[in-house]
Amino acid sequence: MTSSAASSASTITMFGADWCRDCVRTKTQLDGLGIHYTYIDLVTDPAAADVAREITGRTNIPVVVYPDASHQVEPSNADVEAKLRELSLI
């Protein structure tokens, strides 16, 4: 990862937009699980799309960046849950 603004050692960062149904679904899942995360709204911060693209090499959202510097693009709820379990966050 090239940007420390994208994720710190203990924070999940999610890049998304409120018009994106997958983003809304992932936010709802994280909120429901009580997971602390930083949400970067690409509508209000369009320059952050470049950061997300640097991380993933893609323009798809949501992008979820985990504390171990791994990331998922357009993850399913099962993918997110599996990663959170792997990191012992749930």
N, C-alpha and C. Protein backbone atom coordinates (compact mmCIF):
# COMPACT_ATOMS: atom_id res chain seq x y z
N MET A 1 0.85 -1.17 0.00
CA MET A 1 0.00 0.00 0.00
C MET A 1 0.89 1.23 0.00
N THR A 2 0.51 2.20 -0.79
CA THR A 2 1.36 3.36 -0.93
C THR A 2 0.92 4.55 -0.08
N SER A 3 -0.29 4.52 0.44
CA SER A 3 -0.77 5.67 1.19
C SER A 3 -1.10 5.30 2.62
N SER A 4 -0.42 5.93 3.56
CA SER A 4 -0.73 5.67 4.96
C SER A 4 -2.09 6.24 5.32
N ALA A 5 -2.61 7.16 4.52
CA ALA A 5 -3.94 7.71 4.77
C ALA A 5 -5.02 6.66 4.53
N ALA A 6 -4.73 5.66 3.72
CA ALA A 6 -5.72 4.66 3.39
C ALA A 6 -6.02 3.73 4.56
N SER A 7 -5.03 3.40 5.36
CA SER A 7 -5.26 2.50 6.47
C SER A 7 -4.11 2.61 7.47
N SER A 8 -4.46 2.59 8.74
CA SER A 8 -3.43 2.56 9.77
C SER A 8 -3.28 1.13 10.23
N ALA A 9 -2.42 0.91 11.20
CA ALA A 9 -2.12 -0.44 11.65
C ALA A 9 -3.33 -1.13 12.29
N SER A 10 -4.32 -0.40 12.73
CA SER A 10 -5.44 -1.03 13.43
C SER A 10 -6.80 -0.63 12.88
N THR A 11 -6.85 -0.04 11.72
CA THR A 11 -8.11 0.47 11.20
C THR A 11 -8.45 -0.17 9.87
N ILE A 12 -9.74 -0.45 9.71
CA ILE A 12 -10.25 -0.86 8.41
C ILE A 12 -10.69 0.41 7.70
N THR A 13 -10.38 0.50 6.44
CA THR A 13 -10.80 1.64 5.62
C THR A 13 -11.66 1.12 4.49
N MET A 14 -12.78 1.79 4.28
CA MET A 14 -13.66 1.42 3.18
C MET A 14 -13.84 2.61 2.27
N PHE A 15 -13.55 2.42 1.00
CA PHE A 15 -13.80 3.43 -0.03
C PHE A 15 -15.12 3.08 -0.70
N GLY A 16 -16.03 4.05 -0.80
CA GLY A 16 -17.31 3.74 -1.42
C GLY A 16 -18.09 5.00 -1.74
N ALA A 17 -19.34 4.78 -2.12
CA ALA A 17 -20.26 5.87 -2.44
C ALA A 17 -21.67 5.42 -2.05
N ASP A 18 -22.47 6.38 -1.61
CA ASP A 18 -23.82 6.04 -1.15
C ASP A 18 -24.73 5.56 -2.27
N TRP A 19 -24.41 5.86 -3.53
CA TRP A 19 -25.22 5.39 -4.65
C TRP A 19 -24.92 3.94 -5.03
N CYS A 20 -23.87 3.39 -4.45
CA CYS A 20 -23.42 2.03 -4.76
C CYS A 20 -24.08 1.03 -3.81
N ARG A 21 -24.91 0.13 -4.36
CA ARG A 21 -25.61 -0.83 -3.51
C ARG A 21 -24.66 -1.76 -2.77
N ASP A 22 -23.58 -2.18 -3.42
CA ASP A 22 -22.61 -3.04 -2.74
C ASP A 22 -21.94 -2.30 -1.58
N CYS A 23 -21.70 -1.00 -1.76
CA CYS A 23 -21.10 -0.19 -0.69
C CYS A 23 -22.05 -0.09 0.50
N VAL A 24 -23.31 0.17 0.22
CA VAL A 24 -24.32 0.26 1.29
C VAL A 24 -24.40 -1.08 2.03
N ARG A 25 -24.39 -2.17 1.28
CA ARG A 25 -24.45 -3.51 1.90
C ARG A 25 -23.26 -3.76 2.80
N THR A 26 -22.07 -3.42 2.33
CA THR A 26 -20.85 -3.65 3.13
C THR A 26 -20.84 -2.76 4.37
N LYS A 27 -21.23 -1.49 4.21
CA LYS A 27 -21.32 -0.59 5.38
C LYS A 27 -22.30 -1.14 6.40
N THR A 28 -23.45 -1.61 5.93
CA THR A 28 -24.47 -2.16 6.83
C THR A 28 -23.91 -3.38 7.57
N GLN A 29 -23.18 -4.21 6.87
CA GLN A 29 -22.58 -5.39 7.51
C GLN A 29 -21.58 -4.99 8.58
N LEU A 30 -20.66 -4.08 8.25
CA LEU A 30 -19.64 -3.66 9.22
C LEU A 30 -20.30 -3.00 10.43
N ASP A 31 -21.29 -2.14 10.18
CA ASP A 31 -22.01 -1.49 11.28
C ASP A 31 -22.71 -2.52 12.16
N GLY A 32 -23.37 -3.48 11.53
CA GLY A 32 -24.10 -4.50 12.27
C GLY A 32 -23.19 -5.38 13.12
N LEU A 33 -21.96 -5.56 12.66
CA LEU A 33 -20.98 -6.36 13.42
C LEU A 33 -20.25 -5.52 14.47
N GLY A 34 -20.51 -4.22 14.48
CA GLY A 34 -19.84 -3.35 15.45
C GLY A 34 -18.37 -3.12 15.13
N ILE A 35 -18.01 -3.21 13.86
CA ILE A 35 -16.62 -3.04 13.44
C ILE A 35 -16.32 -1.56 13.26
N HIS A 36 -15.26 -1.10 13.88
CA HIS A 36 -14.81 0.28 13.70
C HIS A 36 -14.08 0.36 12.36
N TYR A 37 -14.45 1.35 11.55
CA TYR A 37 -13.79 1.53 10.27
C TYR A 37 -13.86 2.99 9.86
N THR A 38 -12.99 3.35 8.95
CA THR A 38 -13.00 4.69 8.38
C THR A 38 -13.66 4.58 7.01
N TYR A 39 -14.68 5.39 6.80
CA TYR A 39 -15.38 5.39 5.52
C TYR A 39 -14.94 6.59 4.71
N ILE A 40 -14.50 6.35 3.50
CA ILE A 40 -14.10 7.43 2.60
C ILE A 40 -15.12 7.49 1.47
N ASP A 41 -15.91 8.55 1.48
CA ASP A 41 -16.97 8.75 0.50
C ASP A 41 -16.37 9.37 -0.75
N LEU A 42 -16.39 8.60 -1.83
CA LEU A 42 -15.77 9.06 -3.07
C LEU A 42 -16.57 10.16 -3.77
N VAL A 43 -17.79 10.39 -3.33
CA VAL A 43 -18.57 11.50 -3.88
C VAL A 43 -18.08 12.81 -3.27
N THR A 44 -17.88 12.81 -1.95
CA THR A 44 -17.42 14.04 -1.29
C THR A 44 -15.91 14.22 -1.38
N ASP A 45 -15.18 13.13 -1.64
CA ASP A 45 -13.72 13.19 -1.76
C ASP A 45 -13.29 12.45 -3.03
N PRO A 46 -13.59 13.02 -4.21
CA PRO A 46 -13.29 12.31 -5.46
C PRO A 46 -11.82 11.98 -5.66
N ALA A 47 -10.92 12.77 -5.09
CA ALA A 47 -9.49 12.50 -5.23
C ALA A 47 -9.11 11.17 -4.56
N ALA A 48 -9.89 10.75 -3.59
CA ALA A 48 -9.62 9.48 -2.91
C ALA A 48 -9.80 8.29 -3.85
N ALA A 49 -10.52 8.48 -4.94
CA ALA A 49 -10.66 7.40 -5.92
C ALA A 49 -9.30 7.01 -6.48
N ASP A 50 -8.40 7.98 -6.61
CA ASP A 50 -7.05 7.67 -7.08
C ASP A 50 -6.31 6.80 -6.07
N VAL A 51 -6.53 7.04 -4.78
CA VAL A 51 -5.90 6.22 -3.74
C VAL A 51 -6.43 4.78 -3.83
N ALA A 52 -7.74 4.66 -3.95
CA ALA A 52 -8.34 3.32 -4.06
C ALA A 52 -7.82 2.60 -5.30
N ARG A 53 -7.69 3.31 -6.40
CA ARG A 53 -7.18 2.72 -7.64
C ARG A 53 -5.72 2.30 -7.48
N GLU A 54 -4.91 3.10 -6.75
CA GLU A 54 -3.51 2.71 -6.50
C GLU A 54 -3.44 1.42 -5.70
N ILE A 55 -4.35 1.25 -4.76
CA ILE A 55 -4.35 0.06 -3.91
C ILE A 55 -4.74 -1.17 -4.71
N THR A 56 -5.77 -1.03 -5.55
CA THR A 56 -6.35 -2.21 -6.19
C THR A 56 -6.00 -2.39 -7.66
N GLY A 57 -5.63 -1.30 -8.31
CA GLY A 57 -5.43 -1.37 -9.75
C GLY A 57 -6.74 -1.41 -10.52
N ARG A 58 -7.85 -1.17 -9.83
CA ARG A 58 -9.18 -1.24 -10.42
C ARG A 58 -9.98 -0.01 -10.03
N THR A 59 -11.11 0.18 -10.69
CA THR A 59 -11.98 1.31 -10.36
C THR A 59 -13.28 0.86 -9.70
N ASN A 60 -13.42 -0.41 -9.39
CA ASN A 60 -14.63 -0.93 -8.76
C ASN A 60 -14.67 -0.57 -7.28
N ILE A 61 -15.89 -0.40 -6.76
CA ILE A 61 -16.08 -0.17 -5.33
C ILE A 61 -17.19 -1.08 -4.83
N PRO A 62 -17.23 -1.36 -3.55
CA PRO A 62 -16.37 -0.83 -2.51
C PRO A 62 -14.99 -1.49 -2.51
N VAL A 63 -14.06 -0.76 -1.92
CA VAL A 63 -12.73 -1.28 -1.64
C VAL A 63 -12.59 -1.27 -0.12
N VAL A 64 -12.30 -2.43 0.44
CA VAL A 64 -12.12 -2.55 1.88
C VAL A 64 -10.65 -2.89 2.12
N VAL A 65 -9.97 -2.02 2.88
CA VAL A 65 -8.56 -2.24 3.20
C VAL A 65 -8.48 -2.62 4.67
N TYR A 66 -7.80 -3.71 4.95
CA TYR A 66 -7.74 -4.27 6.30
C TYR A 66 -6.44 -3.89 7.00
N PRO A 67 -6.40 -4.06 8.33
CA PRO A 67 -5.20 -3.69 9.09
C PRO A 67 -3.93 -4.41 8.66
N ASP A 68 -4.06 -5.58 8.02
CA ASP A 68 -2.87 -6.30 7.56
C ASP A 68 -2.44 -5.86 6.16
N ALA A 69 -3.03 -4.76 5.66
CA ALA A 69 -2.72 -4.16 4.36
C ALA A 69 -3.28 -4.96 3.19
N SER A 70 -4.04 -6.01 3.47
CA SER A 70 -4.73 -6.71 2.38
C SER A 70 -5.99 -5.92 2.04
N HIS A 71 -6.58 -6.24 0.91
CA HIS A 71 -7.80 -5.53 0.52
C HIS A 71 -8.73 -6.46 -0.24
N GLN A 72 -9.99 -6.05 -0.29
CA GLN A 72 -10.98 -6.75 -1.08
C GLN A 72 -11.72 -5.71 -1.92
N VAL A 73 -12.06 -6.09 -3.14
CA VAL A 73 -12.82 -5.24 -4.04
C VAL A 73 -14.17 -5.90 -4.29
N GLU A 74 -15.24 -5.17 -4.08
CA GLU A 74 -16.60 -5.69 -4.24
C GLU A 74 -16.78 -7.02 -3.50
N PRO A 75 -16.39 -7.08 -2.23
CA PRO A 75 -16.48 -8.35 -1.52
C PRO A 75 -17.92 -8.73 -1.19
N SER A 76 -18.18 -10.02 -1.13
CA SER A 76 -19.47 -10.50 -0.64
C SER A 76 -19.46 -10.39 0.88
N ASN A 77 -20.63 -10.50 1.49
CA ASN A 77 -20.69 -10.50 2.95
C ASN A 77 -19.88 -11.65 3.51
N ALA A 78 -19.91 -12.80 2.85
CA ALA A 78 -19.15 -13.96 3.32
C ALA A 78 -17.65 -13.68 3.25
N ASP A 79 -17.19 -12.99 2.20
CA ASP A 79 -15.77 -12.65 2.08
C ASP A 79 -15.34 -11.73 3.21
N VAL A 80 -16.16 -10.73 3.49
CA VAL A 80 -15.83 -9.78 4.56
C VAL A 80 -15.81 -10.50 5.90
N GLU A 81 -16.81 -11.31 6.16
CA GLU A 81 -16.87 -12.04 7.43
C GLU A 81 -15.67 -12.96 7.59
N ALA A 82 -15.29 -13.67 6.54
CA ALA A 82 -14.14 -14.57 6.61
C ALA A 82 -12.87 -13.80 6.93
N LYS A 83 -12.68 -12.64 6.30
CA LYS A 83 -11.48 -11.85 6.57
C LYS A 83 -11.48 -11.31 7.98
N LEU A 84 -12.63 -10.84 8.46
CA LEU A 84 -12.70 -10.34 9.83
C LEU A 84 -12.40 -11.44 10.83
N ARG A 85 -12.86 -12.67 10.55
CA ARG A 85 -12.54 -13.80 11.43
C ARG A 85 -11.06 -14.14 11.37
N GLU A 86 -10.49 -14.11 10.16
CA GLU A 86 -9.06 -14.38 10.00
C GLU A 86 -8.23 -13.41 10.84
N LEU A 87 -8.68 -12.16 10.89
CA LEU A 87 -7.95 -11.13 11.65
C LEU A 87 -8.37 -11.08 13.12
N SER A 88 -9.23 -12.01 13.52
CA SER A 88 -9.75 -12.07 14.90
C SER A 88 -10.45 -10.78 15.31
N LEU A 89 -11.17 -10.18 14.38
CA LEU A 89 -11.90 -8.95 14.67
C LEU A 89 -13.36 -9.24 15.03
N ILE A 90 -13.80 -10.47 14.75
CA ILE A 90 -15.13 -10.91 15.19
C ILE A 90 -15.02 -12.33 15.70
